[in-house]
């Protein structure tokens, strides 16, 4: 089963045809407490299918299963990653309070285990969530924290994404006739010139997601390898 899923991970049409079979098999194996590492890896290999393919409810079901397994085997770093993924999927389903709850749990664990890259990604997504809820100042605070981490670990492209968001927020306030709020956000360490001038880097901690609220505000796909 694991080999089949991994081989067809990019073929969404085939996965869609076999979705019920795959999900049922994973549930049965997990309930029998067999091959937990393989079940976790198989669910990870379906990440693009869940998120990019729009199969968010199935993703919630299987990542919840994955969370139980990771908790049972004591994989704290893995728990943090799975909780983050659940937050992103809940956000896609417009369950924003649920998403916030998952992200906050993920953030606590990622800080506990010293996962700096993961911490930055979760802070970024909390910023995007706060922005969606209209909490602009809270969003800016989360983005600032994420930016500090990405700068510290040398994740140039990820840091640029946060700068994009801060700049877009500042310009949005000015465009809507609230220049004072725009100035407050502009006081954060970001300028449009910095966004344009920074170069790309390789091996980023996260890749851009196809989901975007605007053409200028980025989100990242939640999954990252440990």
N, C-alpha and C. Protein backbone atom coordinates (compact mmCIF):
# COMPACT_ATOMS: atom_id res chain seq x y z
N UNK A 1 0.83 -1.21 0.00
CA UNK A 1 0.00 0.00 0.00
C UNK A 1 0.87 1.26 0.00
N UNK A 2 1.88 1.27 0.88
CA UNK A 2 2.73 2.46 0.97
C UNK A 2 3.45 2.71 -0.35
N UNK A 3 3.95 1.63 -0.97
CA UNK A 3 4.67 1.78 -2.23
C UNK A 3 3.73 2.30 -3.32
N UNK A 4 2.50 1.82 -3.34
CA UNK A 4 1.53 2.26 -4.34
C UNK A 4 1.24 3.75 -4.18
N UNK A 5 1.01 4.17 -2.95
CA UNK A 5 0.70 5.58 -2.71
C UNK A 5 1.86 6.47 -3.10
N UNK A 6 3.07 6.07 -2.71
CA UNK A 6 4.24 6.88 -3.02
C UNK A 6 4.47 6.97 -4.53
N UNK A 7 4.26 5.87 -5.23
CA UNK A 7 4.45 5.87 -6.69
C UNK A 7 3.43 6.77 -7.39
N UNK A 8 2.21 6.84 -6.85
CA UNK A 8 1.13 7.59 -7.49
C UNK A 8 0.85 8.93 -6.81
N UNK A 9 1.77 9.39 -5.96
CA UNK A 9 1.51 10.58 -5.14
C UNK A 9 1.18 11.81 -5.96
N UNK A 10 1.71 11.89 -7.18
CA UNK A 10 1.46 13.06 -8.02
C UNK A 10 0.32 12.85 -9.01
N UNK A 11 -0.24 11.66 -9.03
CA UNK A 11 -1.33 11.36 -9.96
C UNK A 11 -2.65 11.45 -9.20
N UNK A 12 -3.21 12.65 -9.14
CA UNK A 12 -4.41 12.86 -8.32
C UNK A 12 -5.60 12.07 -8.83
N UNK A 13 -5.68 11.83 -10.15
CA UNK A 13 -6.82 11.09 -10.70
C UNK A 13 -6.84 9.65 -10.17
N UNK A 14 -5.68 9.01 -10.16
CA UNK A 14 -5.60 7.64 -9.65
C UNK A 14 -5.88 7.60 -8.16
N UNK A 15 -5.29 8.56 -7.42
CA UNK A 15 -5.52 8.60 -5.98
C UNK A 15 -7.00 8.81 -5.67
N UNK A 16 -7.66 9.63 -6.48
CA UNK A 16 -9.09 9.88 -6.25
C UNK A 16 -9.91 8.60 -6.42
N UNK A 17 -9.53 7.78 -7.41
CA UNK A 17 -10.24 6.52 -7.65
C UNK A 17 -10.05 5.55 -6.49
N UNK A 18 -8.86 5.59 -5.87
CA UNK A 18 -8.51 4.62 -4.83
C UNK A 18 -8.61 5.23 -3.42
N UNK A 19 -9.21 6.41 -3.33
CA UNK A 19 -9.21 7.15 -2.06
C UNK A 19 -9.80 6.34 -0.91
N UNK A 20 -10.98 5.78 -1.11
CA UNK A 20 -11.65 5.04 -0.04
C UNK A 20 -10.84 3.81 0.38
N UNK A 21 -10.25 3.12 -0.61
CA UNK A 21 -9.44 1.95 -0.32
C UNK A 21 -8.21 2.32 0.51
N UNK A 22 -7.54 3.40 0.09
CA UNK A 22 -6.32 3.83 0.79
C UNK A 22 -6.64 4.26 2.22
N UNK A 23 -7.67 5.10 2.37
CA UNK A 23 -8.03 5.60 3.69
C UNK A 23 -8.46 4.45 4.60
N UNK A 24 -9.25 3.52 4.08
CA UNK A 24 -9.70 2.39 4.88
C UNK A 24 -8.54 1.51 5.32
N UNK A 25 -7.61 1.26 4.40
CA UNK A 25 -6.45 0.42 4.73
C UNK A 25 -5.59 1.07 5.81
N UNK A 26 -5.38 2.37 5.69
CA UNK A 26 -4.58 3.08 6.69
C UNK A 26 -5.25 3.04 8.07
N UNK A 27 -6.57 3.21 8.08
CA UNK A 27 -7.30 3.16 9.35
C UNK A 27 -7.18 1.78 9.99
N UNK A 28 -7.33 0.73 9.18
CA UNK A 28 -7.29 -0.63 9.73
C UNK A 28 -5.89 -0.97 10.26
N UNK A 29 -4.87 -0.59 9.52
CA UNK A 29 -3.50 -0.87 9.96
C UNK A 29 -3.19 -0.12 11.24
N UNK A 30 -3.62 1.13 11.31
CA UNK A 30 -3.37 1.93 12.50
C UNK A 30 -4.10 1.36 13.72
N UNK A 31 -5.34 0.94 13.54
CA UNK A 31 -6.12 0.38 14.64
C UNK A 31 -5.51 -0.92 15.16
N UNK A 32 -4.82 -1.64 14.27
CA UNK A 32 -4.16 -2.88 14.68
C UNK A 32 -2.76 -2.63 15.24
N UNK A 33 -2.38 -1.34 15.28
CA UNK A 33 -1.07 -0.94 15.80
C UNK A 33 0.08 -1.61 15.04
N UNK A 34 -0.10 -1.69 13.72
CA UNK A 34 0.92 -2.28 12.86
C UNK A 34 1.65 -1.19 12.08
N UNK A 35 2.94 -1.35 11.91
CA UNK A 35 3.76 -0.48 11.05
C UNK A 35 3.46 1.00 11.22
N UNK A 36 3.56 1.54 12.44
CA UNK A 36 3.22 2.96 12.64
C UNK A 36 4.08 3.91 11.81
N UNK A 37 5.35 3.60 11.67
CA UNK A 37 6.23 4.47 10.89
C UNK A 37 5.80 4.52 9.44
N UNK A 38 5.40 3.38 8.91
CA UNK A 38 4.96 3.31 7.52
C UNK A 38 3.65 4.05 7.31
N UNK A 39 2.73 3.94 8.27
CA UNK A 39 1.46 4.66 8.16
C UNK A 39 1.71 6.17 8.16
N UNK A 40 2.56 6.63 9.06
CA UNK A 40 2.88 8.06 9.13
C UNK A 40 3.48 8.53 7.81
N UNK A 41 4.44 7.77 7.27
CA UNK A 41 5.10 8.17 6.02
C UNK A 41 4.12 8.17 4.85
N UNK A 42 3.21 7.20 4.82
CA UNK A 42 2.23 7.13 3.74
C UNK A 42 1.31 8.34 3.76
N UNK A 43 0.86 8.73 4.96
CA UNK A 43 0.01 9.91 5.08
C UNK A 43 0.77 11.16 4.64
N UNK A 44 2.04 11.25 5.03
CA UNK A 44 2.85 12.39 4.59
C UNK A 44 2.93 12.48 3.06
N UNK A 45 3.03 11.31 2.41
CA UNK A 45 3.17 11.30 0.95
C UNK A 45 1.91 11.78 0.25
N UNK A 46 0.80 11.80 0.98
CA UNK A 46 -0.48 12.26 0.41
C UNK A 46 -0.71 13.75 0.64
N UNK A 47 0.25 14.46 1.21
CA UNK A 47 0.05 15.85 1.60
C UNK A 47 -0.42 16.73 0.44
N UNK A 48 0.24 16.63 -0.71
CA UNK A 48 -0.17 17.45 -1.85
C UNK A 48 -1.59 17.10 -2.30
N UNK A 49 -1.93 15.84 -2.25
CA UNK A 49 -3.28 15.41 -2.64
C UNK A 49 -4.32 16.06 -1.74
N UNK A 50 -4.05 16.09 -0.44
CA UNK A 50 -4.98 16.71 0.49
C UNK A 50 -5.12 18.20 0.23
N UNK A 51 -3.99 18.87 0.17
CA UNK A 51 -4.01 20.34 0.19
C UNK A 51 -4.20 20.93 -1.20
N UNK A 52 -3.29 20.60 -2.10
CA UNK A 52 -3.38 21.14 -3.46
C UNK A 52 -4.61 20.59 -4.18
N UNK A 53 -4.90 19.31 -3.96
CA UNK A 53 -6.04 18.69 -4.62
C UNK A 53 -7.39 19.05 -4.01
N UNK A 54 -7.37 19.74 -2.89
CA UNK A 54 -8.61 20.19 -2.28
C UNK A 54 -9.35 19.13 -1.47
N UNK A 55 -8.65 18.04 -1.10
CA UNK A 55 -9.28 16.98 -0.32
C UNK A 55 -9.03 17.25 1.17
N UNK A 56 -9.55 18.39 1.62
CA UNK A 56 -9.22 18.88 2.97
C UNK A 56 -9.85 18.03 4.06
N UNK A 57 -11.07 17.59 3.87
CA UNK A 57 -11.71 16.78 4.92
C UNK A 57 -11.02 15.43 5.09
N UNK A 58 -10.65 14.81 3.98
CA UNK A 58 -9.88 13.56 4.07
C UNK A 58 -8.55 13.82 4.76
N UNK A 59 -7.93 14.94 4.42
CA UNK A 59 -6.67 15.30 5.07
C UNK A 59 -6.83 15.45 6.56
N UNK A 60 -7.92 16.10 7.00
CA UNK A 60 -8.18 16.23 8.43
C UNK A 60 -8.30 14.86 9.08
N UNK A 61 -9.01 13.96 8.42
CA UNK A 61 -9.22 12.61 8.97
C UNK A 61 -7.90 11.86 9.13
N UNK A 62 -7.07 11.89 8.07
CA UNK A 62 -5.85 11.09 8.11
C UNK A 62 -4.74 11.76 8.91
N UNK A 63 -4.68 13.08 8.90
CA UNK A 63 -3.68 13.72 9.76
C UNK A 63 -4.06 13.57 11.24
N UNK A 64 -5.34 13.50 11.55
CA UNK A 64 -5.75 13.22 12.93
C UNK A 64 -5.29 11.82 13.33
N UNK A 65 -5.42 10.88 12.41
CA UNK A 65 -4.91 9.53 12.64
C UNK A 65 -3.40 9.57 12.85
N UNK A 66 -2.72 10.33 12.03
CA UNK A 66 -1.26 10.44 12.15
C UNK A 66 -0.86 11.05 13.49
N UNK A 67 -1.63 12.03 13.95
CA UNK A 67 -1.34 12.67 15.23
C UNK A 67 -1.41 11.67 16.37
N UNK A 68 -2.42 10.81 16.35
CA UNK A 68 -2.56 9.78 17.38
C UNK A 68 -1.34 8.87 17.39
N UNK A 69 -0.92 8.44 16.21
CA UNK A 69 0.23 7.55 16.10
C UNK A 69 1.49 8.22 16.63
N UNK A 70 1.71 9.46 16.22
CA UNK A 70 2.92 10.16 16.66
C UNK A 70 2.92 10.38 18.17
N UNK A 71 1.75 10.62 18.73
CA UNK A 71 1.66 10.76 20.19
C UNK A 71 1.98 9.44 20.87
N UNK A 72 1.46 8.35 20.33
CA UNK A 72 1.69 7.03 20.94
C UNK A 72 3.15 6.63 20.91
N UNK A 73 3.88 7.00 19.85
CA UNK A 73 5.29 6.60 19.76
C UNK A 73 6.22 7.64 20.35
N UNK A 74 5.67 8.76 20.86
CA UNK A 74 6.50 9.77 21.51
C UNK A 74 7.26 10.67 20.56
N UNK A 75 6.75 10.85 19.36
CA UNK A 75 7.41 11.70 18.36
C UNK A 75 6.92 13.14 18.51
N UNK A 76 7.54 13.90 19.41
CA UNK A 76 7.06 15.25 19.70
C UNK A 76 7.23 16.19 18.51
N UNK A 77 8.38 16.12 17.84
CA UNK A 77 8.58 16.98 16.67
C UNK A 77 7.53 16.66 15.60
N UNK A 78 7.26 15.38 15.41
CA UNK A 78 6.24 14.98 14.45
C UNK A 78 4.86 15.46 14.84
N UNK A 79 4.55 15.43 16.14
CA UNK A 79 3.27 15.96 16.61
C UNK A 79 3.12 17.43 16.22
N UNK A 80 4.20 18.19 16.40
CA UNK A 80 4.14 19.60 16.05
C UNK A 80 3.85 19.81 14.57
N UNK A 81 4.51 19.02 13.71
CA UNK A 81 4.29 19.14 12.27
C UNK A 81 2.86 18.77 11.90
N UNK A 82 2.34 17.69 12.50
CA UNK A 82 0.99 17.25 12.18
C UNK A 82 -0.05 18.26 12.67
N UNK A 83 0.13 18.80 13.87
CA UNK A 83 -0.79 19.81 14.37
C UNK A 83 -0.81 21.03 13.46
N UNK A 84 0.35 21.40 12.95
CA UNK A 84 0.43 22.52 12.02
C UNK A 84 -0.36 22.21 10.74
N UNK A 85 -0.18 21.01 10.23
CA UNK A 85 -0.90 20.60 9.02
C UNK A 85 -2.41 20.62 9.24
N UNK A 86 -2.83 20.17 10.41
CA UNK A 86 -4.26 20.20 10.74
C UNK A 86 -4.77 21.64 10.79
N UNK A 87 -3.94 22.54 11.31
CA UNK A 87 -4.34 23.95 11.32
C UNK A 87 -4.52 24.51 9.94
N UNK A 88 -3.61 24.17 9.03
CA UNK A 88 -3.71 24.68 7.67
C UNK A 88 -4.95 24.13 6.96
N UNK A 89 -5.25 22.85 7.19
CA UNK A 89 -6.42 22.26 6.56
C UNK A 89 -7.71 22.83 7.15
N UNK A 90 -7.73 23.04 8.47
CA UNK A 90 -8.90 23.66 9.10
C UNK A 90 -9.11 25.06 8.56
N UNK A 91 -8.03 25.79 8.33
CA UNK A 91 -8.13 27.13 7.75
C UNK A 91 -8.72 27.06 6.35
N UNK A 92 -8.30 26.08 5.57
CA UNK A 92 -8.83 25.91 4.22
C UNK A 92 -10.32 25.62 4.23
N UNK A 93 -10.78 24.97 5.29
CA UNK A 93 -12.20 24.66 5.45
C UNK A 93 -12.96 25.82 6.09
N UNK A 94 -12.27 26.94 6.33
CA UNK A 94 -12.85 28.13 6.97
C UNK A 94 -13.24 27.90 8.42
N UNK A 95 -12.62 26.91 9.05
CA UNK A 95 -12.81 26.67 10.48
C UNK A 95 -11.68 27.41 11.21
N UNK A 96 -11.80 28.73 11.29
CA UNK A 96 -10.66 29.55 11.70
C UNK A 96 -10.32 29.41 13.17
N UNK A 97 -11.31 29.29 14.03
CA UNK A 97 -11.01 29.10 15.45
C UNK A 97 -10.33 27.75 15.69
N UNK A 98 -10.78 26.74 14.99
CA UNK A 98 -10.15 25.42 15.09
C UNK A 98 -8.72 25.48 14.57
N UNK A 99 -8.53 26.20 13.47
CA UNK A 99 -7.18 26.35 12.92
C UNK A 99 -6.25 27.02 13.93
N UNK A 100 -6.74 28.07 14.57
CA UNK A 100 -5.93 28.78 15.56
C UNK A 100 -5.54 27.85 16.71
N UNK A 101 -6.47 27.02 17.14
CA UNK A 101 -6.19 26.08 18.23
C UNK A 101 -5.09 25.11 17.83
N UNK A 102 -5.16 24.56 16.63
CA UNK A 102 -4.12 23.64 16.16
C UNK A 102 -2.77 24.35 16.06
N UNK A 103 -2.77 25.55 15.47
CA UNK A 103 -1.52 26.29 15.32
C UNK A 103 -0.87 26.60 16.66
N UNK A 104 -1.68 26.98 17.64
CA UNK A 104 -1.12 27.31 18.95
C UNK A 104 -0.48 26.08 19.61
N UNK A 105 -1.13 24.92 19.45
CA UNK A 105 -0.53 23.68 19.97
C UNK A 105 0.77 23.36 19.23
N UNK A 106 0.74 23.52 17.90
CA UNK A 106 1.94 23.26 17.10
C UNK A 106 3.08 24.18 17.51
N UNK A 107 2.77 25.45 17.72
CA UNK A 107 3.79 26.42 18.08
C UNK A 107 4.44 26.05 19.41
N UNK A 108 3.63 25.67 20.38
CA UNK A 108 4.18 25.30 21.69
C UNK A 108 5.13 24.12 21.58
N UNK A 109 4.75 23.11 20.81
CA UNK A 109 5.60 21.93 20.68
C UNK A 109 6.87 22.26 19.90
N UNK A 110 6.75 23.03 18.83
CA UNK A 110 7.93 23.36 18.02
C UNK A 110 8.93 24.18 18.83
N UNK A 111 8.44 25.03 19.71
CA UNK A 111 9.34 25.76 20.59
C UNK A 111 9.97 24.80 21.61
N UNK A 112 9.18 23.89 22.10
CA UNK A 112 9.67 22.91 23.09
C UNK A 112 10.82 22.08 22.54
N UNK A 113 10.70 21.63 21.28
CA UNK A 113 11.71 20.74 20.71
C UNK A 113 12.81 21.49 19.96
N UNK A 114 12.71 22.82 19.90
CA UNK A 114 13.74 23.60 19.24
C UNK A 114 13.68 23.57 17.73
N UNK A 115 12.50 23.35 17.18
CA UNK A 115 12.32 23.35 15.72
C UNK A 115 12.13 24.79 15.24
N UNK A 116 13.23 25.46 14.96
CA UNK A 116 13.17 26.88 14.63
C UNK A 116 12.48 27.12 13.29
N UNK A 117 12.81 26.31 12.30
CA UNK A 117 12.17 26.47 10.99
C UNK A 117 10.66 26.26 11.10
N UNK A 118 10.27 25.20 11.80
CA UNK A 118 8.85 24.94 11.99
C UNK A 118 8.17 26.04 12.79
N UNK A 119 8.85 26.55 13.78
CA UNK A 119 8.30 27.65 14.58
C UNK A 119 8.01 28.86 13.70
N UNK A 120 8.96 29.18 12.81
CA UNK A 120 8.77 30.32 11.92
C UNK A 120 7.58 30.13 10.99
N UNK A 121 7.41 28.92 10.46
CA UNK A 121 6.30 28.66 9.55
C UNK A 121 4.97 28.76 10.28
N UNK A 122 4.90 28.21 11.50
CA UNK A 122 3.66 28.29 12.25
C UNK A 122 3.34 29.73 12.63
N UNK A 123 4.35 30.50 13.03
CA UNK A 123 4.12 31.92 13.32
C UNK A 123 3.60 32.65 12.08
N UNK A 124 4.17 32.31 10.93
CA UNK A 124 3.71 32.94 9.69
C UNK A 124 2.23 32.63 9.45
N UNK A 125 1.84 31.36 9.62
CA UNK A 125 0.46 31.00 9.36
C UNK A 125 -0.50 31.60 10.39
N UNK A 126 -0.03 31.76 11.64
CA UNK A 126 -0.83 32.46 12.63
C UNK A 126 -1.02 33.92 12.22
N UNK A 127 0.01 34.50 11.61
CA UNK A 127 -0.12 35.87 11.10
C UNK A 127 -1.14 35.96 9.99
N UNK A 128 -1.11 35.00 9.06
CA UNK A 128 -2.09 34.99 7.98
C UNK A 128 -3.50 34.80 8.52
N UNK A 129 -3.63 33.94 9.53
CA UNK A 129 -4.94 33.70 10.13
C UNK A 129 -5.45 34.96 10.83
N UNK A 130 -4.58 35.63 11.59
CA UNK A 130 -4.98 36.87 12.25
C UNK A 130 -5.40 37.92 11.24
N UNK A 131 -4.68 37.97 10.12
CA UNK A 131 -5.03 38.92 9.06
C UNK A 131 -6.41 38.61 8.50
N UNK A 132 -6.69 37.32 8.27
CA UNK A 132 -8.01 36.91 7.77
C UNK A 132 -9.13 37.32 8.72
N UNK A 133 -8.82 37.29 10.02
CA UNK A 133 -9.81 37.64 11.03
C UNK A 133 -9.90 39.15 11.26
N UNK A 134 -9.09 39.92 10.53
CA UNK A 134 -9.12 41.37 10.66
C UNK A 134 -8.30 41.91 11.82
N UNK A 135 -7.44 41.08 12.41
CA UNK A 135 -6.61 41.49 13.54
C UNK A 135 -5.23 41.90 13.01
N UNK A 136 -5.16 43.09 12.44
CA UNK A 136 -3.97 43.51 11.71
C UNK A 136 -2.74 43.64 12.59
N UNK A 137 -2.89 44.26 13.74
CA UNK A 137 -1.73 44.44 14.61
C UNK A 137 -1.21 43.10 15.11
N UNK A 138 -2.12 42.18 15.44
CA UNK A 138 -1.71 40.84 15.87
C UNK A 138 -0.99 40.12 14.73
N UNK A 139 -1.51 40.26 13.52
CA UNK A 139 -0.87 39.64 12.35
C UNK A 139 0.54 40.16 12.19
N UNK A 140 0.72 41.47 12.33
CA UNK A 140 2.05 42.06 12.18
C UNK A 140 3.01 41.53 13.24
N UNK A 141 2.53 41.33 14.46
CA UNK A 141 3.39 40.80 15.52
C UNK A 141 3.85 39.37 15.19
N UNK A 142 2.92 38.55 14.71
CA UNK A 142 3.31 37.19 14.34
C UNK A 142 4.31 37.21 13.19
N UNK A 143 4.04 38.05 12.18
CA UNK A 143 4.95 38.14 11.04
C UNK A 143 6.34 38.60 11.48
N UNK A 144 6.41 39.55 12.41
CA UNK A 144 7.70 40.03 12.90
C UNK A 144 8.49 38.90 13.54
N UNK A 145 7.80 38.10 14.36
CA UNK A 145 8.49 36.98 15.01
C UNK A 145 8.98 35.97 13.98
N UNK A 146 8.14 35.66 12.99
CA UNK A 146 8.53 34.73 11.93
C UNK A 146 9.72 35.28 11.16
N UNK A 147 9.68 36.56 10.85
CA UNK A 147 10.76 37.18 10.10
C UNK A 147 12.08 37.10 10.85
N UNK A 148 12.06 37.35 12.16
CA UNK A 148 13.28 37.28 12.96
C UNK A 148 13.89 35.88 12.91
N UNK A 149 13.04 34.85 12.95
CA UNK A 149 13.53 33.48 12.90
C UNK A 149 14.12 33.16 11.53
N UNK A 150 13.39 33.52 10.45
CA UNK A 150 13.88 33.21 9.11
C UNK A 150 15.20 33.93 8.83
N UNK A 151 15.32 35.17 9.30
CA UNK A 151 16.58 35.89 9.13
C UNK A 151 17.69 35.18 9.90
N UNK A 152 17.39 34.72 11.11
CA UNK A 152 18.39 34.09 11.96
C UNK A 152 18.90 32.78 11.39
N UNK A 153 18.02 32.01 10.74
CA UNK A 153 18.43 30.71 10.22
C UNK A 153 18.84 30.77 8.74
N UNK A 154 18.81 31.97 8.17
CA UNK A 154 19.25 32.13 6.78
C UNK A 154 18.26 31.69 5.74
N UNK A 155 16.98 31.67 6.07
CA UNK A 155 15.94 31.29 5.10
C UNK A 155 15.51 32.54 4.34
N UNK A 156 16.28 32.91 3.33
CA UNK A 156 16.11 34.20 2.66
C UNK A 156 14.76 34.30 1.96
N UNK A 157 14.39 33.26 1.22
CA UNK A 157 13.14 33.33 0.48
C UNK A 157 11.94 33.36 1.41
N UNK A 158 12.01 32.60 2.50
CA UNK A 158 10.93 32.61 3.47
C UNK A 158 10.81 33.97 4.14
N UNK A 159 11.95 34.57 4.47
CA UNK A 159 11.94 35.92 5.05
C UNK A 159 11.36 36.93 4.07
N UNK A 160 11.68 36.77 2.80
CA UNK A 160 11.14 37.68 1.80
C UNK A 160 9.61 37.57 1.72
N UNK A 161 9.09 36.34 1.88
CA UNK A 161 7.65 36.16 1.86
C UNK A 161 6.97 36.92 2.99
N UNK A 162 7.58 36.92 4.17
CA UNK A 162 7.02 37.66 5.29
C UNK A 162 7.09 39.16 5.02
N UNK A 163 8.20 39.60 4.44
CA UNK A 163 8.32 41.02 4.10
C UNK A 163 7.26 41.42 3.07
N UNK A 164 6.97 40.53 2.14
CA UNK A 164 5.89 40.79 1.17
C UNK A 164 4.58 41.04 1.91
N UNK A 165 4.30 40.19 2.90
CA UNK A 165 3.04 40.30 3.62
C UNK A 165 2.96 41.61 4.40
N UNK A 166 4.03 41.96 5.09
CA UNK A 166 4.04 43.20 5.86
C UNK A 166 3.89 44.41 4.95
N UNK A 167 4.59 44.38 3.82
CA UNK A 167 4.49 45.51 2.88
C UNK A 167 3.09 45.62 2.31
N UNK A 168 2.48 44.47 1.97
CA UNK A 168 1.12 44.49 1.42
C UNK A 168 0.12 45.00 2.45
N UNK A 169 0.31 44.62 3.71
CA UNK A 169 -0.57 45.10 4.76
C UNK A 169 -0.45 46.62 4.92
N UNK A 170 0.78 47.13 4.90
CA UNK A 170 0.98 48.57 5.04
C UNK A 170 0.35 49.32 3.88
N UNK A 171 0.54 48.83 2.67
CA UNK A 171 -0.04 49.49 1.50
C UNK A 171 -1.56 49.39 1.52
N UNK A 172 -2.08 48.26 2.04
CA UNK A 172 -3.53 48.10 2.10
C UNK A 172 -4.17 49.13 3.02
N UNK A 173 -3.51 49.43 4.12
CA UNK A 173 -4.06 50.42 5.05
C UNK A 173 -4.05 51.81 4.43
N UNK A 174 -2.96 52.13 3.73
CA UNK A 174 -2.89 53.44 3.08
C UNK A 174 -3.95 53.54 2.00
N UNK A 175 -4.14 52.46 1.23
CA UNK A 175 -5.11 52.46 0.13
C UNK A 175 -6.54 52.62 0.62
N UNK A 176 -6.81 52.14 1.84
CA UNK A 176 -8.16 52.24 2.37
C UNK A 176 -8.37 53.50 3.20
N UNK A 177 -7.41 54.41 3.12
CA UNK A 177 -7.59 55.71 3.77
C UNK A 177 -7.22 55.73 5.23
N UNK A 178 -6.37 54.82 5.68
CA UNK A 178 -5.93 54.81 7.07
C UNK A 178 -4.41 54.90 7.11
N UNK A 179 -3.85 56.05 6.73
CA UNK A 179 -2.40 56.16 6.63
C UNK A 179 -1.70 55.99 7.96
N UNK A 180 -2.35 56.32 9.07
CA UNK A 180 -1.68 56.18 10.36
C UNK A 180 -1.40 54.72 10.68
N UNK A 181 -2.39 53.83 10.42
CA UNK A 181 -2.18 52.41 10.64
C UNK A 181 -1.13 51.86 9.68
N UNK A 182 -1.17 52.37 8.46
CA UNK A 182 -0.17 51.95 7.49
C UNK A 182 1.22 52.34 7.93
N UNK A 183 1.36 53.51 8.53
CA UNK A 183 2.66 53.94 9.00
C UNK A 183 3.14 53.06 10.15
N UNK A 184 2.21 52.66 11.05
CA UNK A 184 2.60 51.78 12.15
C UNK A 184 3.16 50.47 11.64
N UNK A 185 2.50 49.89 10.63
CA UNK A 185 2.97 48.63 10.07
C UNK A 185 4.27 48.86 9.31
N UNK A 186 4.39 50.01 8.64
CA UNK A 186 5.60 50.29 7.89
C UNK A 186 6.80 50.48 8.80
N UNK A 187 6.56 50.76 10.07
CA UNK A 187 7.66 50.90 11.01
C UNK A 187 8.33 49.57 11.32
N UNK A 188 7.67 48.46 10.95
CA UNK A 188 8.30 47.15 11.10
C UNK A 188 9.46 47.07 10.10
N UNK A 189 10.45 46.19 10.35
CA UNK A 189 11.66 46.17 9.52
C UNK A 189 11.43 45.61 8.13
N UNK A 190 10.69 46.33 7.29
CA UNK A 190 10.42 45.88 5.94
C UNK A 190 10.18 47.08 5.04
N UNK A 191 10.71 47.02 3.83
CA UNK A 191 10.40 48.02 2.81
C UNK A 191 10.16 47.30 1.51
N UNK A 192 9.46 47.94 0.60
CA UNK A 192 9.24 47.33 -0.71
C UNK A 192 10.55 47.13 -1.44
N UNK A 193 11.51 48.02 -1.22
CA UNK A 193 12.80 47.87 -1.88
C UNK A 193 13.49 46.59 -1.43
N UNK A 194 13.38 46.27 -0.12
CA UNK A 194 13.98 45.03 0.39
C UNK A 194 13.34 43.82 -0.26
N UNK A 195 12.03 43.89 -0.46
CA UNK A 195 11.33 42.76 -1.08
C UNK A 195 11.83 42.52 -2.49
N UNK A 196 12.04 43.60 -3.25
CA UNK A 196 12.47 43.48 -4.64
C UNK A 196 13.93 43.07 -4.74
N UNK A 197 14.79 43.58 -3.83
CA UNK A 197 16.22 43.41 -3.99
C UNK A 197 16.74 42.07 -3.51
N UNK A 198 16.01 41.36 -2.62
CA UNK A 198 16.55 40.12 -2.09
C UNK A 198 16.56 39.03 -3.15
N UNK A 199 17.61 38.20 -3.11
CA UNK A 199 17.74 37.11 -4.07
C UNK A 199 17.11 35.84 -3.56
N UNK A 200 17.00 34.86 -4.46
CA UNK A 200 16.45 33.57 -4.08
C UNK A 200 17.51 32.75 -3.37
N UNK A 201 17.08 31.77 -2.60
CA UNK A 201 18.00 30.81 -2.02
C UNK A 201 17.44 29.42 -2.22
N UNK A 202 18.29 28.42 -2.02
CA UNK A 202 17.90 27.04 -2.26
C UNK A 202 17.56 26.36 -0.95
N UNK A 203 16.80 25.27 -1.06
CA UNK A 203 16.52 24.45 0.11
C UNK A 203 15.73 25.16 1.18
N UNK A 204 14.69 25.85 0.80
CA UNK A 204 13.91 26.60 1.78
C UNK A 204 13.16 25.68 2.72
N UNK A 205 12.80 26.23 3.87
CA UNK A 205 12.09 25.44 4.86
C UNK A 205 10.65 25.19 4.45
N UNK A 206 10.15 25.93 3.49
CA UNK A 206 8.77 25.73 3.05
C UNK A 206 8.62 26.26 1.64
N UNK A 207 7.68 25.70 0.90
CA UNK A 207 7.44 26.13 -0.47
C UNK A 207 6.17 26.95 -0.56
N UNK A 208 6.08 27.86 -1.52
CA UNK A 208 4.85 28.65 -1.64
C UNK A 208 3.64 27.77 -1.92
N UNK A 209 2.55 28.11 -1.30
CA UNK A 209 1.31 27.38 -1.52
C UNK A 209 0.52 28.01 -2.65
N UNK A 210 -0.26 27.24 -3.40
CA UNK A 210 -1.11 27.84 -4.41
C UNK A 210 -2.24 28.64 -3.81
N UNK A 211 -2.54 28.42 -2.53
CA UNK A 211 -3.59 29.19 -1.89
C UNK A 211 -3.04 30.55 -1.50
N UNK A 212 -3.69 31.62 -1.96
CA UNK A 212 -3.26 32.97 -1.60
C UNK A 212 -4.49 33.84 -1.50
N UNK A 213 -4.52 34.68 -0.49
CA UNK A 213 -5.67 35.57 -0.32
C UNK A 213 -5.62 36.69 -1.34
N UNK A 214 -4.42 37.21 -1.60
CA UNK A 214 -4.24 38.20 -2.66
C UNK A 214 -3.00 37.81 -3.43
N UNK A 215 -2.75 38.52 -4.52
CA UNK A 215 -1.58 38.20 -5.33
C UNK A 215 -0.29 38.57 -4.61
N UNK A 216 -0.37 39.40 -3.57
CA UNK A 216 0.84 39.84 -2.89
C UNK A 216 1.04 39.19 -1.54
N UNK A 217 0.02 38.58 -0.96
CA UNK A 217 0.17 38.01 0.37
C UNK A 217 0.33 36.51 0.27
N UNK A 218 1.45 36.01 0.74
CA UNK A 218 1.77 34.60 0.60
C UNK A 218 1.30 33.77 1.79
N UNK A 219 1.04 32.49 1.49
CA UNK A 219 0.98 31.48 2.53
C UNK A 219 1.88 30.35 2.09
N UNK A 220 2.27 29.51 3.04
CA UNK A 220 3.10 28.38 2.70
C UNK A 220 2.34 27.08 2.87
N UNK A 221 2.67 26.15 2.00
CA UNK A 221 2.15 24.81 2.20
C UNK A 221 2.63 24.33 3.56
N UNK A 222 1.74 23.74 4.36
CA UNK A 222 2.08 23.44 5.75
C UNK A 222 3.09 22.32 5.93
N UNK A 223 3.10 21.37 5.01
CA UNK A 223 3.96 20.20 5.26
C UNK A 223 5.41 20.54 5.07
N UNK A 224 6.24 20.06 5.97
CA UNK A 224 7.69 20.10 5.80
C UNK A 224 8.26 18.83 6.37
N UNK A 225 9.33 18.35 5.77
CA UNK A 225 9.98 17.15 6.30
C UNK A 225 10.71 17.45 7.58
N UNK A 226 10.77 16.46 8.43
CA UNK A 226 11.47 16.64 9.70
C UNK A 226 12.97 16.49 9.51
